[in-house]
Amino acid sequence: MAFGSLDEDDDKVMSEINMTPLVDVMLVLLIIFIITIPVIHHAVKINLPHATSRPNDTKPRNVNVSIDAQGRVYWNQQQVDDATLDRRIAEASQLRPQPELHLRADRDVRYERVARVMDAAQHAGLDRIGFITEPKH
């Protein structure tokens, strides 16, 4: 009599879901979880020290080296000759953190002149060289 009978006169089939076993299972699971969660969570109370730390962001300063169309070299917008350029690159390579060399070269300057500045930076030990360009409009 749970779901229907096999009598031919009774064409009605009982189509209700019996919720009692589902509720019983859910209550048992709930009780199990209530009991086991405090057992699993073994917390030892420790008075930990509080530390405030900020990342030490010492960003290296940038050195701007520009080369105009005539091949003149500028160190941070001051014109320098080759000997002064080599000396300043050597001084910059000794700084900690090491500055980044930003190289700007005119479109019409000979590549040989740009390569000379890059070679001086490499021999002095400057590891980071960035090329500054203008985007197309």
Protein backbone atom coordinates (compact mmCIF):
# COMPACT_ATOMS: atom_id res chain seq x y z
CA MET A 1 0.00 0.00 0.00
CA ALA A 2 2.98 2.26 -0.07
CA PHE A 3 2.92 3.18 -3.75
CA GLY A 4 -0.24 1.68 -5.08
CA SER A 5 -2.04 -1.55 -5.48
CA LEU A 6 -2.16 -4.14 -8.18
CA ASP A 7 -5.93 -4.08 -8.36
CA GLU A 8 -7.25 -3.27 -11.78
CA ASP A 9 -10.09 -1.14 -10.41
CA ASP A 10 -7.72 1.28 -8.79
CA ASP A 11 -6.03 3.14 -11.65
CA LYS A 12 -4.68 5.86 -9.40
CA VAL A 13 -0.98 5.55 -8.59
CA MET A 14 0.37 7.25 -5.52
CA SER A 15 2.96 9.71 -6.81
CA GLU A 16 4.00 11.44 -3.60
CA ILE A 17 7.61 11.26 -2.40
CA ASN A 18 8.02 10.06 1.13
CA MET A 19 10.15 12.79 2.78
CA THR A 20 10.59 11.10 6.14
CA PRO A 21 13.69 9.02 5.24
CA LEU A 22 15.31 12.06 3.56
CA VAL A 23 14.74 14.23 6.62
CA ASP A 24 16.07 11.46 8.89
CA VAL A 25 19.27 11.16 6.87
CA MET A 26 19.80 14.92 6.83
CA LEU A 27 19.32 15.17 10.59
CA VAL A 28 21.80 12.36 11.20
CA LEU A 29 24.35 14.07 8.94
CA LEU A 30 23.80 17.38 10.71
CA ILE A 31 24.38 15.79 14.11
CA ILE A 32 27.53 14.07 12.84
CA PHE A 33 28.92 17.35 11.52
CA ILE A 34 28.06 19.21 14.73
CA ILE A 35 29.94 16.61 16.75
CA THR A 36 33.00 16.19 14.48
CA ILE A 37 33.82 19.82 13.61
CA PRO A 38 34.97 20.80 17.15
CA VAL A 39 37.01 17.59 17.31
CA ILE A 40 38.78 18.35 14.01
CA HIS A 41 39.49 21.96 14.91
CA HIS A 42 42.22 21.70 17.55
CA ALA A 43 43.36 25.25 18.01
CA VAL A 44 46.16 26.11 20.37
CA LYS A 45 45.84 29.65 21.61
CA ILE A 46 49.12 31.46 21.14
CA ASN A 47 49.71 35.12 21.72
CA LEU A 48 51.57 35.99 18.54
CA PRO A 49 53.42 39.29 18.19
CA HIS A 50 52.00 41.88 15.86
CA ALA A 51 54.34 43.20 13.23
CA THR A 52 53.78 45.98 10.81
CA SER A 53 56.00 45.92 7.82
CA ARG A 54 56.03 47.93 4.69
CA PRO A 55 57.80 46.74 1.61
CA ASN A 56 61.07 48.51 1.19
CA ASP A 57 60.49 50.04 -2.22
CA THR A 58 63.76 51.65 -3.06
CA LYS A 59 63.28 52.20 -6.73
CA PRO A 60 66.45 52.97 -8.57
CA ARG A 61 66.54 56.32 -10.16
CA ASN A 62 66.65 56.52 -13.90
CA VAL A 63 69.49 57.99 -15.90
CA ASN A 64 68.42 59.64 -19.13
CA VAL A 65 70.97 59.52 -21.93
CA SER A 66 69.94 61.30 -25.13
CA ILE A 67 71.70 61.42 -28.47
CA ASP A 68 70.70 64.12 -30.94
CA ALA A 69 70.92 63.99 -34.73
CA GLN A 70 74.46 65.40 -34.76
CA GLY A 71 75.67 62.66 -32.38
CA ARG A 72 75.99 64.84 -29.27
CA VAL A 73 75.34 62.93 -26.05
CA TYR A 74 73.34 64.36 -23.14
CA TRP A 75 73.43 62.94 -19.60
CA ASN A 76 70.19 64.00 -17.84
CA GLN A 77 69.79 66.90 -20.32
CA GLN A 78 73.42 68.10 -19.89
CA GLN A 79 75.77 67.74 -22.82
CA VAL A 80 78.79 65.54 -22.07
CA ASP A 81 81.79 64.36 -24.07
CA ASP A 82 82.83 60.70 -24.42
CA ALA A 83 85.27 60.72 -21.47
CA THR A 84 82.70 62.29 -19.15
CA LEU A 85 80.06 59.84 -20.38
CA ASP A 86 82.32 56.86 -19.58
CA ARG A 87 83.09 58.27 -16.13
CA ARG A 88 79.42 58.93 -15.30
CA ILE A 89 78.35 55.48 -16.52
CA ALA A 90 81.06 53.92 -14.32
CA GLU A 91 79.84 55.95 -11.33
CA ALA A 92 76.22 54.96 -11.99
CA SER A 93 77.13 51.28 -12.19
CA GLN A 94 78.56 51.43 -8.66
CA LEU A 95 75.31 52.70 -7.14
CA ARG A 96 73.05 50.26 -5.28
CA PRO A 97 70.36 49.74 -6.44
CA GLN A 98 71.71 50.20 -9.90
CA PRO A 99 69.88 52.85 -11.95
CA GLU A 100 68.23 52.05 -15.23
CA LEU A 101 69.70 53.70 -18.29
CA HIS A 102 67.00 55.24 -20.50
CA LEU A 103 68.46 55.75 -23.95
CA ARG A 104 66.81 58.21 -26.33
CA ALA A 105 68.28 58.50 -29.78
CA ASP A 106 67.26 60.75 -32.62
CA ARG A 107 65.86 58.98 -35.66
CA ASP A 108 68.65 60.37 -37.88
CA VAL A 109 71.61 59.54 -35.62
CA ARG A 110 74.03 56.91 -36.85
CA TYR A 111 73.59 53.51 -35.24
CA GLU A 112 77.33 53.44 -34.55
CA ARG A 113 76.90 56.27 -32.04
CA VAL A 114 74.07 54.45 -30.23
CA ALA A 115 76.10 51.24 -30.17
CA ARG A 116 79.03 53.15 -28.63
CA VAL A 117 76.87 54.32 -25.71
CA MET A 118 75.41 50.82 -25.24
CA ASP A 119 78.93 49.32 -25.30
CA ALA A 120 80.13 51.78 -22.66
CA ALA A 121 77.17 50.88 -20.43
CA GLN A 122 77.80 47.16 -20.86
CA HIS A 123 81.51 47.43 -20.08
CA ALA A 124 80.79 49.50 -16.98
CA GLY A 125 78.36 46.87 -15.72
CA LEU A 126 74.99 48.54 -16.18
CA ASP A 127 72.54 45.70 -16.62
CA ARG A 128 69.32 47.53 -17.38
CA ILE A 129 69.02 49.61 -20.53
CA GLY A 130 65.67 50.87 -21.77
CA PHE A 131 65.04 52.42 -25.17
CA ILE A 132 62.69 55.38 -25.22
CA THR A 133 60.70 55.77 -28.44
CA GLU A 134 57.71 57.74 -29.58
CA PRO A 135 54.58 55.89 -30.65
CA LYS A 136 53.21 56.28 -34.16
CA HIS A 137 50.30 58.66 -34.42
